[in-house]
Amino acid sequence: MPPPQKIRLGDLLIQQGLLTDEQLKIALDEQKRTGRKLGRVFVESGYVTEAGISQALARQLQIPFIDLKSFTPKPELIKLLPEAPARRFRALVLAQLPDGRLQIGMSDPTDLQAYDEITRLVRREIDLAVVTESELLAMVDRVYHRGEQITGLAKELTAELGDVPIEFGDLLGLNPGAEDAPVVKLLQTVFEEAMRLRASDIHFEPQEKSLRIRFRIDGVLHIQTEADAKVSSAVALRLKLMSGLDISEKRLPQDGRFHIKVRANPVDVRISTLPTQYGESVVMRLLAQNTGLLELEKIGMPERVLGRLRHALKRPSGMVLVTGPTGSGKTTTLYAALNELNSPEKKVITVEDPVEYRLGGLNQVQVHEKIDLSFSRVLRTVLRQDPDIVLIGEMRDQETAEIGMRAAMTGHLVLSTLHTNDAVSTPIRLLDMGVPRYMVALSVHMVIAQRLVRVICSNCRESYTPTPNEHEWLRYELADQVDSHSFHHGRGCAHCANTGYQGRTGVYEFLDMSDKVVEALNHDDPGEFMRAARQQMAGETLRRDAVRLVLEGRTSVAEAMRISNQFEE
């Protein structure tokens, strides 16, 4: 294939009827004023789409246009062009042709310098194809995993450490060149990769002969790499220094937090250390501060639950509880509710450990147990601050629960969370904590139980036939109607790191504390209350909501079964 020829983009788009002379003149003036690329000006002005520009180039140069949304890259070919030049030249190796030539996708196939440099780097003759720049950059982010870089940095750190004691000054970043120290570069790369993969947690786990690094992505742990065991102490020490923990104490668990920027994005990190047989295990929860708060309509809550929740939130007093295990999205749900309630006419105070979201207009208090700033102590003061709405991060003990319920009974709307398996067992759990029965009956207006399920990747979603085990599980909810429905799963692709899933959504159930349910609760018979509560819910359970997502094709049967096993134990 001959080298590409330079093309005047504006003239090309006019020639193909995609642009007018007047639009080109306006765009050129805008380009001179801002210095942006002309193609970007066309797209942002709404004159032509990015795909339209790429297809016009493909027609003019008589080369293929490749839609990367439906393209599955091959790792062994991708690596023929390193990440740096791939980003610089906006290029990606797409395929190897039968004659041995490489097909290279470029967002600007008229770039002669890029053509020559790519040919030199891959040491093959190349054929060009056109791809859109945004899709190319998104695929570069996905396919150039940094696992190998992390492993390489870990090996570099192992070699540098050898058997020499670690210098505290270097780890603190006090000495010249400390920013280049392998331990710092290793952690920086780990954080960057974790954020790119949307990981919620990073796990550093010392084993007998290695340090295992794992990321929790969409609720499931994935091994990122394994490093030499010598790295464990250096990594733990650096992280403890960053979070202000006691570096001399290795026999007791410690908790802390620190704030970092990952590629200019602010991230709050909660850290927990635990002494294990082979060293200190370190787990970090990542709380990105620039993700923005979700709205209630966008968290996946079905209309029947959303309507009842909004009705409860309009009341001037009472308690709304959101329950579920750690990582089930309880805080996200409550903050979506607060985001809707937040207004200049209402005073909102939150008491949390830690403050996970920052929302303007709220008075947010961070609990600090080390100085005896506990939930109960803060709450007693909060109620003297004349709040309209109080959010309690978690009902951890009897005293906190009782103070919150008194507030709910005396003219305050109280939102909080509790660790229970489902909605029905929540009032019983409060009684087990020692909260008086009348308090629970008078203050709790609504209980929502929730879980997070993984959503099938839209890029590799396909229909399939459930296994016999899955078929039998579905019969519990669908009876003889199972065979009348179609089911989907993700086969795995580069977009979802071959997991078949990308992102999560919620499954919910709710218990409205109606007069009949409250009356049953007032009797000293848990069985009577459970029967009344289940009758009130009318079969609208977490399991049924998970099946709803399966029938809508948003999640797989296997994922619905996995989540159901958590609350049906």
Protein backbone atom coordinates (compact mmCIF):
# COMPACT_ATOMS: atom_id res chain seq x y z
CA MET A 1 0.00 0.00 0.00
CA PRO A 2 1.47 3.42 -0.95
CA PRO A 3 2.00 6.05 1.76
CA PRO A 4 -1.05 8.25 2.45
CA GLN A 5 -1.53 11.61 0.79
CA LYS A 6 -2.26 14.83 2.67
CA ILE A 7 -5.89 15.89 2.39
CA ARG A 8 -7.56 19.18 3.21
CA LEU A 9 -10.32 17.99 5.52
CA GLY A 10 -12.65 20.96 4.98
CA ASP A 11 -12.54 20.65 1.20
CA LEU A 12 -13.11 16.88 1.46
CA LEU A 13 -16.23 17.27 3.62
CA ILE A 14 -17.64 19.97 1.31
CA GLN A 15 -16.93 17.76 -1.71
CA GLN A 16 -18.85 14.88 -0.11
CA GLY A 17 -21.77 17.10 0.87
CA LEU A 18 -21.19 16.87 4.63
CA LEU A 19 -20.28 20.53 5.16
CA THR A 20 -21.20 23.92 3.69
CA ASP A 21 -18.83 26.74 2.73
CA GLU A 22 -20.31 28.92 5.46
CA GLN A 23 -19.78 26.22 8.12
CA LEU A 24 -16.16 25.76 6.99
CA LYS A 25 -15.53 29.52 7.26
CA ILE A 26 -16.99 29.64 10.80
CA ALA A 27 -14.99 26.56 11.82
CA LEU A 28 -11.72 28.00 10.46
CA ASP A 29 -12.28 31.21 12.42
CA GLU A 30 -12.95 29.14 15.56
CA GLN A 31 -9.81 27.09 14.93
CA LYS A 32 -7.66 30.25 14.67
CA ARG A 33 -9.20 31.61 17.86
CA THR A 34 -8.86 28.46 20.01
CA GLY A 35 -6.04 26.46 18.37
CA ARG A 36 -8.12 23.27 18.40
CA LYS A 37 -7.94 20.71 15.60
CA LEU A 38 -10.29 21.50 12.73
CA GLY A 39 -11.95 18.09 12.87
CA ARG A 40 -12.69 18.58 16.57
CA VAL A 41 -14.26 21.98 15.82
CA PHE A 42 -16.54 20.38 13.19
CA VAL A 43 -17.72 17.73 15.67
CA GLU A 44 -18.18 20.06 18.66
CA SER A 45 -20.09 22.56 16.47
CA GLY A 46 -22.46 19.78 15.42
CA TYR A 47 -21.70 20.12 11.71
CA VAL A 48 -20.63 16.49 11.26
CA THR A 49 -20.13 13.46 13.49
CA GLU A 50 -16.75 11.94 14.29
CA ALA A 51 -17.79 8.75 12.48
CA GLY A 52 -18.92 10.84 9.49
CA ILE A 53 -15.43 12.40 9.20
CA SER A 54 -13.74 8.99 9.44
CA GLN A 55 -16.03 7.45 6.84
CA ALA A 56 -15.42 10.39 4.50
CA LEU A 57 -11.65 9.88 4.83
CA ALA A 58 -12.07 6.15 4.18
CA ARG A 59 -14.05 6.81 1.00
CA GLN A 60 -11.54 9.37 -0.26
CA LEU A 61 -8.48 7.19 0.46
CA GLN A 62 -10.28 3.99 -0.61
CA ILE A 63 -9.35 2.19 2.61
CA PRO A 64 -11.61 0.41 5.12
CA PHE A 65 -13.44 2.14 7.99
CA ILE A 66 -13.40 -0.05 11.12
CA ASP A 67 -16.02 0.37 13.86
CA LEU A 68 -14.06 -0.43 17.04
CA LYS A 69 -17.24 -0.83 19.10
CA SER A 70 -17.75 -4.25 17.54
CA PHE A 71 -14.07 -5.12 17.13
CA THR A 72 -12.24 -7.66 19.32
CA PRO A 73 -8.48 -6.95 19.43
CA LYS A 74 -5.81 -9.65 19.63
CA PRO A 75 -3.28 -9.03 22.44
CA GLU A 76 -0.38 -10.62 20.58
CA LEU A 77 -0.86 -8.16 17.69
CA ILE A 78 -1.59 -5.15 19.87
CA LYS A 79 1.80 -5.49 21.58
CA LEU A 80 3.62 -5.13 18.25
CA LEU A 81 3.10 -1.37 18.66
CA PRO A 82 4.04 -0.09 22.16
CA GLU A 83 1.53 1.99 24.13
CA ALA A 84 3.40 5.32 23.92
CA PRO A 85 3.52 5.52 20.09
CA ALA A 86 -0.01 4.08 19.91
CA ARG A 87 -1.26 7.06 21.92
CA ARG A 88 1.04 9.56 20.19
CA PHE A 89 0.11 8.55 16.64
CA ARG A 90 -3.48 7.53 17.47
CA ALA A 91 -2.84 4.10 15.97
CA LEU A 92 -3.63 0.48 16.79
CA VAL A 93 -2.64 -2.86 15.23
CA LEU A 94 -5.94 -4.42 14.15
CA ALA A 95 -5.05 -7.54 12.16
CA GLN A 96 -2.39 -9.51 10.35
CA LEU A 97 -3.24 -9.98 6.68
CA PRO A 98 -2.65 -13.28 4.82
CA ASP A 99 0.46 -11.88 3.08
CA GLY A 100 2.05 -10.96 6.44
CA ARG A 101 1.26 -7.24 6.27
CA LEU A 102 -0.31 -5.54 9.29
CA GLN A 103 -3.56 -3.64 9.20
CA ILE A 104 -3.15 -0.46 11.27
CA GLY A 105 -6.16 1.57 12.37
CA MET A 106 -5.48 5.32 12.54
CA SER A 107 -7.71 8.28 13.35
CA ASP A 108 -5.68 10.37 10.88
CA PRO A 109 -4.40 8.12 8.10
CA THR A 110 -3.02 11.17 6.23
CA ASP A 111 -0.25 11.67 8.85
CA LEU A 112 2.88 10.85 6.82
CA GLN A 113 5.26 11.11 9.78
CA ALA A 114 3.16 8.67 11.82
CA TYR A 115 3.00 6.26 8.86
CA ASP A 116 6.80 6.18 8.53
CA GLU A 117 7.42 5.83 12.29
CA ILE A 118 4.85 3.04 12.72
CA THR A 119 6.35 1.15 9.77
CA ARG A 120 9.77 1.40 11.41
CA LEU A 121 8.48 0.27 14.83
CA VAL A 122 6.52 -2.80 13.66
CA ARG A 123 9.15 -3.76 11.03
CA ARG A 124 6.44 -4.83 8.62
CA GLU A 125 4.68 -3.38 5.64
CA ILE A 126 1.37 -1.91 6.71
CA ASP A 127 -2.10 -1.29 5.30
CA LEU A 128 -4.15 1.51 6.81
CA ALA A 129 -7.74 1.62 8.02
CA VAL A 130 -9.68 4.55 9.48
CA VAL A 131 -11.06 4.52 13.03
CA THR A 132 -12.58 7.29 15.14
CA GLU A 133 -10.22 8.92 17.63
CA SER A 134 -12.50 8.59 20.68
CA GLU A 135 -13.06 4.87 20.13
CA LEU A 136 -9.35 4.31 19.47
CA LEU A 137 -8.31 6.03 22.71
CA ALA A 138 -10.94 4.10 24.66
CA MET A 139 -9.60 0.83 23.26
CA VAL A 140 -5.99 1.84 24.00
CA ASP A 141 -7.02 2.39 27.62
CA ARG A 142 -8.59 -1.07 27.72
CA VAL A 143 -6.07 -3.21 25.88
CA TYR A 144 -2.77 -1.86 27.16
CA HIS A 145 -3.02 -3.42 30.61
CA ARG A 146 -0.39 -2.27 33.06
CA GLY A 147 -0.04 -5.62 34.78
CA GLU A 148 3.30 -6.23 33.08
CA GLN A 149 4.52 -2.75 34.04
CA ILE A 150 3.49 -3.36 37.66
CA THR A 151 5.31 -6.68 37.66
CA GLY A 152 8.40 -5.05 36.14
CA LEU A 153 8.43 -2.29 38.74
CA ALA A 154 8.01 -4.85 41.51
CA LYS A 155 11.03 -6.78 40.18
CA GLU A 156 13.00 -3.53 39.99
CA LEU A 157 12.09 -2.77 43.59
CA THR A 158 13.09 -6.29 44.67
CA ALA A 159 16.48 -5.93 42.98
CA GLU A 160 17.09 -2.52 44.50
CA LEU A 161 16.09 -3.55 48.02
CA GLY A 162 18.17 -6.72 48.04
CA ASP A 163 19.11 -7.34 51.65
CA VAL A 164 19.74 -3.64 52.42
CA PRO A 165 17.55 -2.02 55.10
CA ILE A 166 14.94 0.43 53.82
CA GLU A 167 15.79 4.12 54.18
CA PHE A 168 12.86 5.92 55.80
CA GLY A 169 13.89 9.21 54.20
CA ASP A 170 13.59 7.79 50.71
CA LEU A 171 10.17 6.35 51.41
CA LEU A 172 8.97 9.66 52.80
CA GLY A 173 10.06 11.35 49.61
CA LEU A 174 12.53 13.60 51.44
CA ASN A 175 15.66 12.75 49.48
CA PRO A 176 16.44 14.05 45.98
CA GLY A 177 15.20 11.66 43.31
CA ALA A 178 12.85 9.90 45.70
CA GLU A 179 10.01 10.33 43.21
CA ASP A 180 11.86 7.87 40.98
CA ALA A 181 12.22 5.24 43.68
CA PRO A 182 10.72 1.92 42.50
CA VAL A 183 8.39 1.65 45.51
CA VAL A 184 6.85 5.02 44.65
CA LYS A 185 6.58 4.22 40.95
CA LEU A 186 5.08 0.82 41.78
CA LEU A 187 2.36 2.35 43.96
CA GLN A 188 1.68 5.12 41.48
CA THR A 189 1.24 2.61 38.68
CA VAL A 190 -0.99 0.38 40.84
CA PHE A 191 -3.25 3.33 41.71
CA GLU A 192 -3.45 4.47 38.08
CA GLU A 193 -4.35 0.98 36.86
CA ALA A 194 -6.91 0.53 39.65
CA MET A 195 -8.65 3.77 38.70
CA ARG A 196 -8.58 2.90 35.00
CA LEU A 197 -10.22 -0.45 35.69
CA ARG A 198 -12.79 1.19 38.02
CA ALA A 199 -11.58 -0.90 40.97
CA SER A 200 -13.20 -0.15 44.32
CA ASP A 201 -10.45 -1.80 46.42
CA ILE A 202 -6.77 -2.67 46.17
CA HIS A 203 -5.46 -5.69 48.13
CA PHE A 204 -1.78 -6.23 48.96
CA GLU A 205 -1.59 -9.76 50.37
CA PRO A 206 1.77 -11.21 51.51
CA GLN A 207 2.14 -14.92 50.82
CA GLU A 208 4.99 -17.27 51.76
CA LYS A 209 7.01 -16.57 48.60
CA SER A 210 5.23 -13.65 46.96
CA LEU A 211 3.16 -10.49 47.37
CA ARG A 212 -0.18 -10.89 45.65
CA ILE A 213 -1.84 -7.71 44.34
CA ARG A 214 -5.57 -7.96 43.64
CA PHE A 215 -8.24 -5.46 42.52
CA ARG A 216 -11.94 -5.68 43.37
CA ILE A 217 -13.82 -4.75 40.20
CA ASP A 218 -17.63 -4.75 40.14
CA GLY A 219 -17.62 -6.61 43.44
CA VAL A 220 -15.34 -9.45 42.34
CA LEU A 221 -11.61 -9.81 43.12
CA HIS A 222 -9.15 -10.21 40.23
CA ILE A 223 -5.43 -10.99 40.54
CA GLN A 224 -3.41 -8.16 39.01
CA THR A 225 0.10 -9.52 39.53
CA GLU A 226 2.36 -11.32 42.00
CA ALA A 227 5.65 -9.77 43.17
CA ASP A 228 8.58 -11.04 45.20
CA ALA A 229 7.86 -11.40 48.93
CA LYS A 230 10.69 -8.92 49.69
CA VAL A 231 8.49 -6.11 48.33
CA SER A 232 5.79 -6.60 51.02
CA SER A 233 7.40 -4.70 53.87
CA ALA A 234 8.49 -1.77 51.67
CA VAL A 235 5.00 -1.35 50.23
CA ALA A 236 3.32 -1.62 53.65
CA LEU A 237 5.78 0.87 55.16
CA ARG A 238 5.26 3.42 52.41
CA LEU A 239 1.46 3.18 52.67
CA LYS A 240 1.55 3.48 56.48
CA LEU A 241 3.70 6.60 56.19
CA MET A 242 1.29 8.10 53.67
CA SER A 243 -1.68 7.50 55.99
CA GLY A 244 0.03 8.58 59.21
CA LEU A 245 -0.06 5.16 60.85
CA ASP A 246 2.46 3.85 63.39
CA ILE A 247 5.26 2.32 61.31
CA SER A 248 6.81 0.65 64.36
CA GLU A 249 3.62 -1.29 65.16
CA LYS A 250 3.36 -4.44 63.05
CA ARG A 251 1.58 -6.72 65.53
CA LEU A 252 -1.79 -4.93 65.68
CA PRO A 253 -4.32 -3.93 63.00
CA GLN A 254 -4.44 -0.25 62.08
CA ASP A 255 -6.87 1.92 60.11
CA GLY A 256 -6.26 5.25 58.44
CA ARG A 257 -6.85 7.31 55.34
CA PHE A 258 -5.02 9.62 52.97
CA HIS A 259 -5.77 11.77 49.97
CA ILE A 260 -3.97 11.50 46.63
CA LYS A 261 -4.35 12.63 43.04
CA VAL A 262 -4.32 10.03 40.30
CA ARG A 263 -3.84 11.69 36.91
CA ALA A 264 -5.22 14.96 38.36
CA ASN A 265 -8.28 13.17 39.77
CA PRO A 266 -8.69 13.51 43.57
CA VAL A 267 -9.12 10.20 45.39
CA ASP A 268 -9.77 9.54 49.07
CA VAL A 269 -8.17 6.29 50.22
CA ARG A 270 -9.24 4.34 53.30
CA ILE A 271 -6.54 1.94 54.42
CA SER A 272 -6.65 -1.08 56.73
CA THR A 273 -3.63 -3.16 57.80
CA LEU A 274 -3.83 -6.64 59.30
CA PRO A 275 -0.91 -8.70 60.66
CA THR A 276 -0.78 -12.09 58.92
CA GLN A 277 1.59 -15.03 59.02
CA TYR A 278 3.82 -13.66 56.27
CA GLY A 279 3.55 -9.90 56.87
CA GLU A 280 1.03 -7.10 56.95
CA SER A 281 -1.97 -7.42 54.63
CA VAL A 282 -3.05 -4.00 53.35
CA VAL A 283 -6.47 -3.26 51.87
CA MET A 284 -7.40 0.15 50.45
CA ARG A 285 -10.87 1.40 49.52
CA LEU A 286 -10.78 3.99 46.73
CA LEU A 287 -13.30 6.82 46.87
CA ALA A 288 -13.04 8.99 43.76
CA GLN A 289 -14.21 12.52 44.47
CA ASN A 290 -14.99 13.57 40.89
CA THR A 291 -17.50 10.88 39.95
CA GLY A 292 -20.51 13.00 40.90
CA LEU A 293 -23.58 11.88 42.78
CA LEU A 294 -26.12 9.66 41.13
CA GLU A 295 -29.76 10.65 40.94
CA LEU A 296 -32.40 8.32 42.34
CA GLU A 297 -33.68 7.54 38.83
CA LYS A 298 -30.22 6.44 37.73
CA ILE A 299 -29.26 3.93 40.42
CA GLY A 300 -31.40 1.15 38.96
CA MET A 301 -34.25 1.33 41.49
CA PRO A 302 -37.52 0.01 40.02
CA GLU A 303 -40.49 2.39 39.91
CA ARG A 304 -42.47 0.60 42.63
CA VAL A 305 -39.59 1.03 45.12
CA LEU A 306 -38.68 4.53 43.92
CA GLY A 307 -42.25 5.75 44.35
CA ARG A 308 -42.54 4.41 47.91
CA LEU A 309 -39.12 5.82 48.85
CA ARG A 310 -40.05 9.28 47.57
CA HIS A 311 -43.29 9.11 49.53
CA ALA A 312 -41.32 8.29 52.71
CA LEU A 313 -38.81 11.08 52.01
CA LYS A 314 -41.61 13.67 51.82
CA ARG A 315 -42.56 13.01 55.45
CA PRO A 316 -41.25 15.55 57.94
CA SER A 317 -40.20 12.85 60.41
CA GLY A 318 -39.54 9.13 60.72
CA MET A 319 -36.71 6.80 59.79
CA VAL A 320 -35.77 5.24 56.45
CA LEU A 321 -33.28 2.36 56.69
CA VAL A 322 -31.22 0.96 53.81
CA THR A 323 -29.76 -2.47 54.55
CA GLY A 324 -27.32 -4.90 53.00
CA PRO A 325 -23.72 -6.10 53.39
CA THR A 326 -20.61 -3.96 52.95
CA GLY A 327 -20.25 -2.83 49.34
CA SER A 328 -23.93 -3.19 48.41
CA GLY A 329 -24.37 0.49 47.54
CA LYS A 330 -26.24 1.61 50.67
CA THR A 331 -24.39 4.93 51.01
CA THR A 332 -24.86 5.68 47.31
CA THR A 333 -28.61 5.20 47.68
CA LEU A 334 -28.81 7.44 50.74
CA TYR A 335 -26.76 10.19 49.12
CA ALA A 336 -28.89 10.03 45.99
CA ALA A 337 -31.85 10.62 48.31
CA LEU A 338 -30.03 13.45 50.11
CA ASN A 339 -29.15 15.01 46.77
CA GLU A 340 -32.87 15.18 46.03
CA LEU A 341 -33.79 16.49 49.50
CA ASN A 342 -30.98 19.05 49.73
CA SER A 343 -32.32 22.60 49.53
CA PRO A 344 -31.62 25.99 51.19
CA GLU A 345 -34.81 25.62 53.27
CA LYS A 346 -33.60 22.47 55.03
CA LYS A 347 -30.71 21.88 57.38
CA VAL A 348 -29.06 18.53 56.68
CA ILE A 349 -26.40 17.03 58.97
CA THR A 350 -24.59 13.77 58.27
CA VAL A 351 -22.59 11.71 60.76
CA GLU A 352 -20.31 9.24 58.96
CA ASP A 353 -17.22 7.10 59.23
CA PRO A 354 -15.80 8.03 56.81
CA VAL A 355 -17.41 10.86 54.81
CA GLU A 356 -17.58 9.10 51.43
CA TYR A 357 -19.20 11.82 49.35
CA ARG A 358 -18.95 15.58 49.54
CA LEU A 359 -22.16 17.44 48.81
CA GLY A 360 -22.52 21.22 48.92
CA GLY A 361 -25.02 22.59 51.42
CA LEU A 362 -24.66 19.70 53.86
CA ASN A 363 -23.02 19.76 57.28
CA GLN A 364 -20.91 16.60 57.24
CA VAL A 365 -19.27 15.26 60.39
CA GLN A 366 -16.46 12.67 60.40
CA VAL A 367 -16.56 10.25 63.34
CA HIS A 368 -13.19 9.87 65.09
CA GLU A 369 -13.17 7.05 67.64
CA LYS A 370 -9.58 7.72 68.77
CA ILE A 371 -10.61 11.04 70.31
CA ASP A 372 -13.95 9.65 71.51
CA LEU A 373 -15.89 11.41 68.74
CA SER A 374 -18.29 8.49 68.37
CA PHE A 375 -21.61 8.23 66.53
CA SER A 376 -23.60 8.51 69.74
CA ARG A 377 -21.62 11.48 71.07
CA VAL A 378 -21.89 13.40 67.79
CA LEU A 379 -25.61 12.61 67.49
CA ARG A 380 -26.41 14.04 70.90
CA THR A 381 -24.87 17.34 69.79
CA VAL A 382 -26.36 17.19 66.30
CA LEU A 383 -29.89 17.22 67.66
CA ARG A 384 -29.12 20.54 69.36
CA GLN A 385 -28.11 21.98 65.96
CA ASP A 386 -31.78 22.20 64.83
CA PRO A 387 -31.53 19.82 61.82
CA ASP A 388 -34.43 18.90 59.55
CA ILE A 389 -32.72 15.82 58.13
CA VAL A 390 -30.06 13.64 59.75
CA LEU A 391 -28.04 10.95 58.00
CA ILE A 392 -26.38 8.40 60.30
CA GLY A 393 -23.72 6.45 58.42
CA GLU A 394 -24.44 3.19 60.26
CA MET A 395 -26.48 1.91 63.21
CA ARG A 396 -23.55 0.29 65.00
CA ASP A 397 -24.84 -0.10 68.54
CA GLN A 398 -27.89 0.24 70.77
CA GLU A 399 -27.10 3.79 71.90
CA THR A 400 -26.69 5.11 68.35
CA ALA A 401 -29.90 3.39 67.24
CA GLU A 402 -31.91 4.75 70.16
CA ILE A 403 -30.71 8.34 69.67
CA GLY A 404 -31.53 8.11 65.96
CA MET A 405 -34.99 6.75 66.66
CA ARG A 406 -35.74 9.39 69.25
CA ALA A 407 -34.82 11.96 66.64
CA ALA A 408 -37.17 10.27 64.15
CA MET A 409 -39.97 10.38 66.74
CA THR A 410 -39.46 14.07 67.54
CA GLY A 411 -39.78 15.80 64.19
CA HIS A 412 -36.64 14.81 62.25
CA LEU A 413 -36.29 12.77 59.08
CA VAL A 414 -33.52 10.24 59.77
CA LEU A 415 -31.74 8.16 57.13
CA SER A 416 -29.39 5.36 58.08
CA THR A 417 -27.96 1.94 57.18
CA LEU A 418 -27.87 -1.43 58.90
CA HIS A 419 -26.13 -4.71 58.10
CA THR A 420 -28.94 -7.25 57.67
CA ASN A 421 -29.69 -9.93 55.11
CA ASP A 422 -33.07 -8.64 53.94
CA ALA A 423 -35.80 -6.11 54.71
CA VAL A 424 -37.93 -8.44 56.85
CA SER A 425 -35.16 -9.25 59.33
CA THR A 426 -34.25 -5.57 59.94
CA PRO A 427 -36.80 -4.72 62.69
CA ILE A 428 -35.93 -8.01 64.42
CA ARG A 429 -32.23 -7.07 64.28
CA LEU A 430 -32.99 -3.72 65.95
CA LEU A 431 -34.84 -5.54 68.75
CA ASP A 432 -31.87 -7.90 69.16
CA MET A 433 -29.62 -4.84 69.58
CA GLY A 434 -31.71 -3.89 72.61
CA VAL A 435 -33.79 -1.10 71.07
CA PRO A 436 -37.23 -0.92 72.79
CA ARG A 437 -40.04 -2.43 70.71
CA TYR A 438 -42.16 0.75 70.80
CA MET A 439 -39.28 2.81 69.38
CA VAL A 440 -38.89 0.54 66.37
CA ALA A 441 -42.66 0.47 65.78
CA LEU A 442 -43.10 4.26 66.01
CA SER A 443 -39.98 5.52 64.24
CA VAL A 444 -39.17 3.16 61.31
CA HIS A 445 -41.34 3.99 58.30
CA MET A 446 -39.57 2.09 55.53
CA VAL A 447 -36.80 -0.48 55.10
CA ILE A 448 -35.02 -1.01 51.78
CA ALA A 449 -32.72 -4.01 51.28
CA GLN A 450 -30.37 -3.98 48.30
CA ARG A 451 -27.53 -5.72 46.51
CA LEU A 452 -25.40 -4.84 43.48
CA VAL A 453 -25.38 -7.14 40.45
CA ARG A 454 -23.00 -7.01 37.52
CA VAL A 455 -24.45 -5.83 34.20
CA ILE A 456 -23.76 -7.78 31.00
CA CYS A 457 -21.20 -6.06 28.76
CA SER A 458 -23.10 -4.40 25.91
CA ASN A 459 -20.26 -5.11 23.48
CA CYS A 460 -20.23 -8.92 23.81
CA ARG A 461 -23.81 -9.60 24.95
CA GLU A 462 -25.34 -12.65 23.30
CA SER A 463 -28.27 -15.00 23.82
CA TYR A 464 -27.68 -18.47 25.21
CA THR A 465 -29.49 -21.49 26.68
CA PRO A 466 -29.35 -21.73 30.50
CA THR A 467 -27.71 -24.79 32.04
CA PRO A 468 -29.96 -27.40 33.72
CA ASN A 469 -29.03 -25.97 37.13
CA GLU A 470 -29.88 -22.41 36.01
CA HIS A 471 -33.11 -23.65 34.40
CA GLU A 472 -34.20 -25.26 37.67
CA TRP A 473 -33.38 -22.08 39.62
CA LEU A 474 -35.48 -19.99 37.22
CA ARG A 475 -38.46 -22.33 37.63
CA TYR A 476 -38.78 -21.20 41.25
CA GLU A 477 -39.90 -17.76 40.04
CA LEU A 478 -41.14 -18.40 36.49
CA ALA A 479 -42.68 -21.88 36.85
CA ASP A 480 -43.58 -23.25 33.40
CA GLN A 481 -42.92 -19.90 31.70
CA VAL A 482 -39.12 -20.41 31.70
CA ASP A 483 -38.97 -21.67 28.13
CA SER A 484 -40.99 -18.73 26.80
CA HIS A 485 -38.22 -16.27 27.68
CA SER A 486 -34.81 -15.63 26.10
CA PHE A 487 -31.68 -15.26 28.21
CA HIS A 488 -28.36 -13.51 27.69
CA HIS A 489 -24.80 -13.48 28.94
CA GLY A 490 -21.48 -11.86 27.95
CA ARG A 491 -19.00 -14.03 26.09
CA GLY A 492 -16.07 -11.80 27.22
CA CYS A 493 -14.18 -9.21 25.18
CA ALA A 494 -11.52 -6.51 25.47
CA HIS A 495 -14.12 -3.96 26.59
CA CYS A 496 -14.90 -5.93 29.76
CA ALA A 497 -11.47 -7.55 30.34
CA ASN A 498 -13.02 -10.88 29.24
CA THR A 499 -15.36 -11.00 32.25
CA GLY A 500 -18.60 -10.62 30.27
CA TYR A 501 -19.71 -7.82 32.61
CA GLN A 502 -19.23 -4.07 32.73
CA GLY A 503 -20.64 -1.97 35.55
CA ARG A 504 -23.23 -2.78 38.19
CA THR A 505 -26.82 -1.93 39.02
CA GLY A 506 -29.01 -2.50 42.07
CA VAL A 507 -31.61 -5.08 43.03
CA TYR A 508 -34.05 -4.00 45.72
CA GLU A 509 -36.87 -5.01 48.02
CA PHE A 510 -38.76 -2.82 50.47
CA LEU A 511 -40.87 -3.24 53.56
CA ASP A 512 -43.45 -0.56 54.28
CA MET A 513 -44.16 -0.44 58.00
CA SER A 514 -47.95 -0.43 57.60
CA ASP A 515 -50.37 -0.50 60.54
CA LYS A 516 -50.75 -4.26 60.17
CA VAL A 517 -46.97 -4.84 60.20
CA VAL A 518 -46.49 -2.51 63.19
CA GLU A 519 -49.25 -4.30 65.09
CA ALA A 520 -47.54 -7.67 64.43
CA LEU A 521 -44.22 -6.22 65.60
CA ASN A 522 -45.78 -5.11 68.88
CA HIS A 523 -46.57 -8.75 69.71
CA ASP A 524 -43.75 -10.77 71.22
CA ASP A 525 -43.85 -13.32 68.40
CA PRO A 526 -41.18 -12.94 65.66
CA GLY A 527 -42.94 -15.53 63.54
CA GLU A 528 -46.16 -13.49 63.43
CA PHE A 529 -44.22 -10.39 62.42
CA MET A 530 -42.32 -12.26 59.67
CA ARG A 531 -45.60 -13.58 58.22
CA ALA A 532 -47.19 -10.12 58.27
CA ALA A 533 -44.10 -8.52 56.72
CA ARG A 534 -43.85 -11.06 53.89
CA GLN A 535 -47.56 -10.68 53.19
CA GLN A 536 -47.05 -6.91 53.02
CA MET A 537 -44.20 -7.33 50.51
CA ALA A 538 -46.40 -9.54 48.30
CA GLY A 539 -43.47 -11.54 46.95
CA GLU A 540 -41.56 -8.48 45.73
CA THR A 541 -38.21 -9.79 46.97
CA LEU A 542 -34.54 -9.30 46.11
CA ARG A 543 -34.62 -12.60 44.25
CA ARG A 544 -37.60 -11.54 42.13
CA ASP A 545 -35.93 -8.22 41.32
CA ALA A 546 -32.79 -10.09 40.22
CA VAL A 547 -34.94 -12.28 37.95
CA ARG A 548 -36.50 -9.09 36.50
CA LEU A 549 -33.04 -7.94 35.41
CA VAL A 550 -32.39 -11.38 33.89
CA LEU A 551 -35.61 -11.19 31.84
CA GLU A 552 -34.72 -7.66 30.71
CA GLY A 553 -31.39 -9.02 29.44
CA ARG A 554 -29.38 -6.75 31.72
CA THR A 555 -27.72 -9.47 33.79
CA SER A 556 -27.09 -13.19 33.46
CA VAL A 557 -28.77 -16.07 35.26
CA ALA A 558 -25.40 -17.01 36.80
CA GLU A 559 -24.98 -13.51 38.27
CA ALA A 560 -28.55 -13.48 39.64
CA MET A 561 -27.90 -16.88 41.26
CA ARG A 562 -24.61 -15.64 42.75
CA ILE A 563 -26.27 -12.63 44.34
CA SER A 564 -29.30 -14.63 45.50
CA ASN A 565 -27.07 -17.09 47.33
CA GLN A 566 -25.86 -14.19 49.48
CA PHE A 567 -29.27 -13.37 50.91
CA GLU A 568 -30.80 -16.84 50.89
CA GLU A 569 -28.19 -18.46 53.14
